């Protein structure tokens, strides 16, 4: 009975040693750079989403100024449609509200319904 326990302990120890060795080999694989991954995510996902949101927010601002100078129903409808487009564009940027964007409370300045008219 003692031999079975001893064999089980030895097999378990060998298993953990082998797992540790394999995981350290995976960590040192060549060809994967975290900095390059972050740069590509920034260039291909984050920046296009922010540029799109900025463009749509600019159009929304123009439509709001036009509506405030000459309020009529067609301009209000255009403003509503653009607000939806801008809100959807903002939604695609929300996952990236970290760091300075979060500390400056950007999300509350933009999407603080109903307190901001």
C-alpha atoms as a PDB file:
ATOM      1  CA  UNK A   1       0.000   0.000   0.000  1.00  0.00           C
ATOM      2  CA  UNK A   2       2.874   2.357   0.801  1.00  0.00           C
ATOM      3  CA  UNK A   3       4.391   1.657  -2.592  1.00  0.00           C
ATOM      4  CA  UNK A   4       1.187   2.735  -4.340  1.00  0.00           C
ATOM      5  CA  UNK A   5       1.165   6.061  -2.446  1.00  0.00           C
ATOM      6  CA  UNK A   6       4.865   6.576  -3.155  1.00  0.00           C
ATOM      7  CA  UNK A   7       4.375   5.822  -6.855  1.00  0.00           C
ATOM      8  CA  UNK A   8       1.380   8.169  -6.973  1.00  0.00           C
ATOM      9  CA  UNK A   9       3.367  10.989  -5.355  1.00  0.00           C
ATOM     10  CA  UNK A  10       6.284  10.487  -7.746  1.00  0.00           C
ATOM     11  CA  UNK A  11       4.002  10.435 -10.803  1.00  0.00           C
ATOM     12  CA  UNK A  12       2.236  13.606  -9.632  1.00  0.00           C
ATOM     13  CA  UNK A  13       5.560  15.380  -9.073  1.00  0.00           C
ATOM     14  CA  UNK A  14       6.807  14.347 -12.525  1.00  0.00           C
ATOM     15  CA  UNK A  15       3.564  15.565 -14.081  1.00  0.00           C
ATOM     16  CA  UNK A  16       3.892  19.019 -12.479  1.00  0.00           C
ATOM     17  CA  UNK A  17       7.573  19.317 -13.412  1.00  0.00           C
ATOM     18  CA  UNK A  18       6.787  18.417 -17.026  1.00  0.00           C
ATOM     19  CA  UNK A  19       3.876  20.902 -17.167  1.00  0.00           C
ATOM     20  CA  UNK A  20       6.101  23.664 -15.822  1.00  0.00           C
ATOM     21  CA  UNK A  21       8.812  22.886 -18.364  1.00  0.00           C
ATOM     22  CA  UNK A  22       6.302  22.929 -21.263  1.00  0.00           C
ATOM     23  CA  UNK A  23       4.740  26.216 -20.166  1.00  0.00           C
ATOM     24  CA  UNK A  24       8.137  27.905 -19.926  1.00  0.00           C
ATOM     25  CA  UNK A  25       8.924  26.715 -23.460  1.00  0.00           C
ATOM     26  CA  UNK A  26       5.668  28.256 -24.725  1.00  0.00           C
ATOM     27  CA  UNK A  27       6.468  31.589 -23.055  1.00  0.00           C
ATOM     28  CA  UNK A  28       9.740  31.891 -24.954  1.00  0.00           C
ATOM     29  CA  UNK A  29       8.430  31.156 -28.448  1.00  0.00           C
ATOM     30  CA  UNK A  30       9.892  33.424 -31.056  1.00  0.00           C
ATOM     31  CA  UNK A  31       7.745  35.539 -33.334  1.00  0.00           C
ATOM     32  CA  UNK A  32       5.175  36.918 -30.893  1.00  0.00           C
ATOM     33  CA  UNK A  33       5.632  40.402 -29.524  1.00  0.00           C
ATOM     34  CA  UNK A  34       3.079  41.949 -27.198  1.00  0.00           C
ATOM     35  CA  UNK A  35       4.091  45.503 -28.151  1.00  0.00           C
ATOM     36  CA  UNK A  36       3.500  44.768 -31.828  1.00  0.00           C
ATOM     37  CA  UNK A  37       0.084  43.272 -31.029  1.00  0.00           C
ATOM     38  CA  UNK A  38      -0.913  46.361 -29.054  1.00  0.00           C
ATOM     39  CA  UNK A  39       0.286  48.644 -31.857  1.00  0.00           C
ATOM     40  CA  UNK A  40      -1.733  46.723 -34.441  1.00  0.00           C
ATOM     41  CA  UNK A  41      -4.882  46.765 -32.289  1.00  0.00           C
ATOM     42  CA  UNK A  42      -4.412  50.503 -31.822  1.00  0.00           C
ATOM     43  CA  UNK A  43      -3.871  51.136 -35.539  1.00  0.00           C
ATOM     44  CA  UNK A  44      -6.542  48.802 -36.894  1.00  0.00           C
ATOM     45  CA  UNK A  45      -9.314  48.924 -34.253  1.00  0.00           C
ATOM     46  CA  UNK A  46      -9.053  51.745 -31.747  1.00  0.00           C
ATOM     47  CA  UNK A  47      -7.996  54.653 -33.959  1.00  0.00           C
ATOM     48  CA  UNK A  48     -10.504  53.956 -36.775  1.00  0.00           C
ATOM     49  CA  UNK A  49     -13.302  53.752 -34.188  1.00  0.00           C
ATOM     50  CA  UNK A  50     -12.237  57.051 -32.622  1.00  0.00           C
ATOM     51  CA  UNK A  51     -11.886  58.780 -35.996  1.00  0.00           C
ATOM     52  CA  UNK A  52     -15.346  57.547 -37.036  1.00  0.00           C
ATOM     53  CA  UNK A  53     -16.859  58.755 -33.777  1.00  0.00           C
ATOM     54  CA  UNK A  54     -15.172  62.157 -34.119  1.00  0.00           C
ATOM     55  CA  UNK A  55     -16.485  62.534 -37.668  1.00  0.00           C
ATOM     56  CA  UNK A  56     -20.043  61.614 -36.699  1.00  0.00           C
ATOM     57  CA  UNK A  57     -19.944  63.826 -33.601  1.00  0.00           C
ATOM     58  CA  UNK A  58     -18.869  66.750 -35.798  1.00  0.00           C
ATOM     59  CA  UNK A  59     -21.822  66.161 -38.122  1.00  0.00           C
ATOM     60  CA  UNK A  60     -24.120  65.936 -35.090  1.00  0.00           C
ATOM     61  CA  UNK A  61     -22.788  69.253 -33.808  1.00  0.00           C
ATOM     62  CA  UNK A  62     -23.374  70.914 -37.185  1.00  0.00           C
ATOM     63  CA  UNK A  63     -26.922  69.577 -37.354  1.00  0.00           C
ATOM     64  CA  UNK A  64     -27.611  70.748 -33.792  1.00  0.00           C
ATOM     65  CA  UNK A  65     -26.383  74.253 -34.634  1.00  0.00           C
ATOM     66  CA  UNK A  66     -28.506  74.323 -37.795  1.00  0.00           C
ATOM     67  CA  UNK A  67     -31.556  73.152 -35.879  1.00  0.00           C
ATOM     68  CA  UNK A  68     -31.063  75.729 -33.118  1.00  0.00           C
ATOM     69  CA  UNK A  69     -30.962  78.550 -35.696  1.00  0.00           C
ATOM     70  CA  UNK A  70     -33.950  77.337 -37.685  1.00  0.00           C
ATOM     71  CA  UNK A  71     -36.016  74.719 -35.848  1.00  0.00           C
ATOM     72  CA  UNK A  72     -38.290  72.702 -38.064  1.00  0.00           C
ATOM     73  CA  UNK A  73     -39.372  69.092 -38.148  1.00  0.00           C
ATOM     74  CA  UNK A  74     -37.187  67.907 -41.043  1.00  0.00           C
ATOM     75  CA  UNK A  75     -34.044  69.229 -39.366  1.00  0.00           C
ATOM     76  CA  UNK A  76     -35.119  67.657 -36.069  1.00  0.00           C
ATOM     77  CA  UNK A  77     -35.514  64.296 -37.783  1.00  0.00           C
ATOM     78  CA  UNK A  78     -32.066  64.615 -39.371  1.00  0.00           C
ATOM     79  CA  UNK A  79     -30.650  65.504 -35.950  1.00  0.00           C
ATOM     80  CA  UNK A  80     -32.308  62.463 -34.376  1.00  0.00           C
ATOM     81  CA  UNK A  81     -30.958  60.129 -37.061  1.00  0.00           C
ATOM     82  CA  UNK A  82     -27.464  61.535 -36.667  1.00  0.00           C
ATOM     83  CA  UNK A  83     -27.676  61.209 -32.897  1.00  0.00           C
ATOM     84  CA  UNK A  84     -28.367  57.478 -33.289  1.00  0.00           C
ATOM     85  CA  UNK A  85     -25.424  57.111 -35.692  1.00  0.00           C
ATOM     86  CA  UNK A  86     -23.181  59.034 -33.308  1.00  0.00           C
ATOM     87  CA  UNK A  87     -24.314  56.983 -30.311  1.00  0.00           C
ATOM     88  CA  UNK A  88     -23.545  53.744 -32.164  1.00  0.00           C
ATOM     89  CA  UNK A  89     -20.119  55.065 -33.177  1.00  0.00           C
ATOM     90  CA  UNK A  90     -19.470  56.027 -29.555  1.00  0.00           C
ATOM     91  CA  UNK A  91     -20.510  52.557 -28.425  1.00  0.00           C
ATOM     92  CA  UNK A  92     -17.710  51.053 -30.540  1.00  0.00           C
ATOM     93  CA  UNK A  93     -15.176  53.199 -28.648  1.00  0.00           C
ATOM     94  CA  UNK A  94     -16.471  52.431 -25.160  1.00  0.00           C
ATOM     95  CA  UNK A  95     -14.317  49.331 -24.628  1.00  0.00           C
ATOM     96  CA  UNK A  96     -11.206  51.448 -24.928  1.00  0.00           C
ATOM     97  CA  UNK A  97     -12.073  53.916 -22.156  1.00  0.00           C
ATOM     98  CA  UNK A  98      -9.022  53.199 -20.088  1.00  0.00           C
ATOM     99  CA  UNK A  99      -6.157  55.312 -18.860  1.00  0.00           C
ATOM    100  CA  UNK A 100      -6.478  59.038 -19.563  1.00  0.00           C
ATOM    101  CA  UNK A 101      -9.836  58.692 -21.326  1.00  0.00           C
ATOM    102  CA  UNK A 102     -11.328  57.132 -18.216  1.00  0.00           C
ATOM    103  CA  UNK A 103      -9.606  59.438 -15.726  1.00  0.00           C
ATOM    104  CA  UNK A 104     -10.918  62.493 -17.578  1.00  0.00           C
ATOM    105  CA  UNK A 105     -14.487  61.104 -17.326  1.00  0.00           C
ATOM    106  CA  UNK A 106     -14.912  61.347 -21.088  1.00  0.00           C
ATOM    107  CA  UNK A 107     -17.768  58.846 -21.026  1.00  0.00           C
ATOM    108  CA  UNK A 108     -19.796  61.080 -18.706  1.00  0.00           C
ATOM    109  CA  UNK A 109     -19.183  64.178 -20.802  1.00  0.00           C
ATOM    110  CA  UNK A 110     -20.450  62.446 -23.935  1.00  0.00           C
ATOM    111  CA  UNK A 111     -23.065  59.938 -22.858  1.00  0.00           C
ATOM    112  CA  UNK A 112     -24.641  61.339 -19.714  1.00  0.00           C
ATOM    113  CA  UNK A 113     -28.315  60.966 -20.498  1.00  0.00           C
ATOM    114  CA  UNK A 114     -30.637  62.596 -19.293  1.00  0.00           C
ATOM    115  CA  UNK A 115     -28.680  65.170 -17.270  1.00  0.00           C
ATOM    116  CA  UNK A 116     -26.894  66.792 -20.217  1.00  0.00           C
ATOM    117  CA  UNK A 117     -29.370  68.369 -22.648  1.00  0.00           C
END
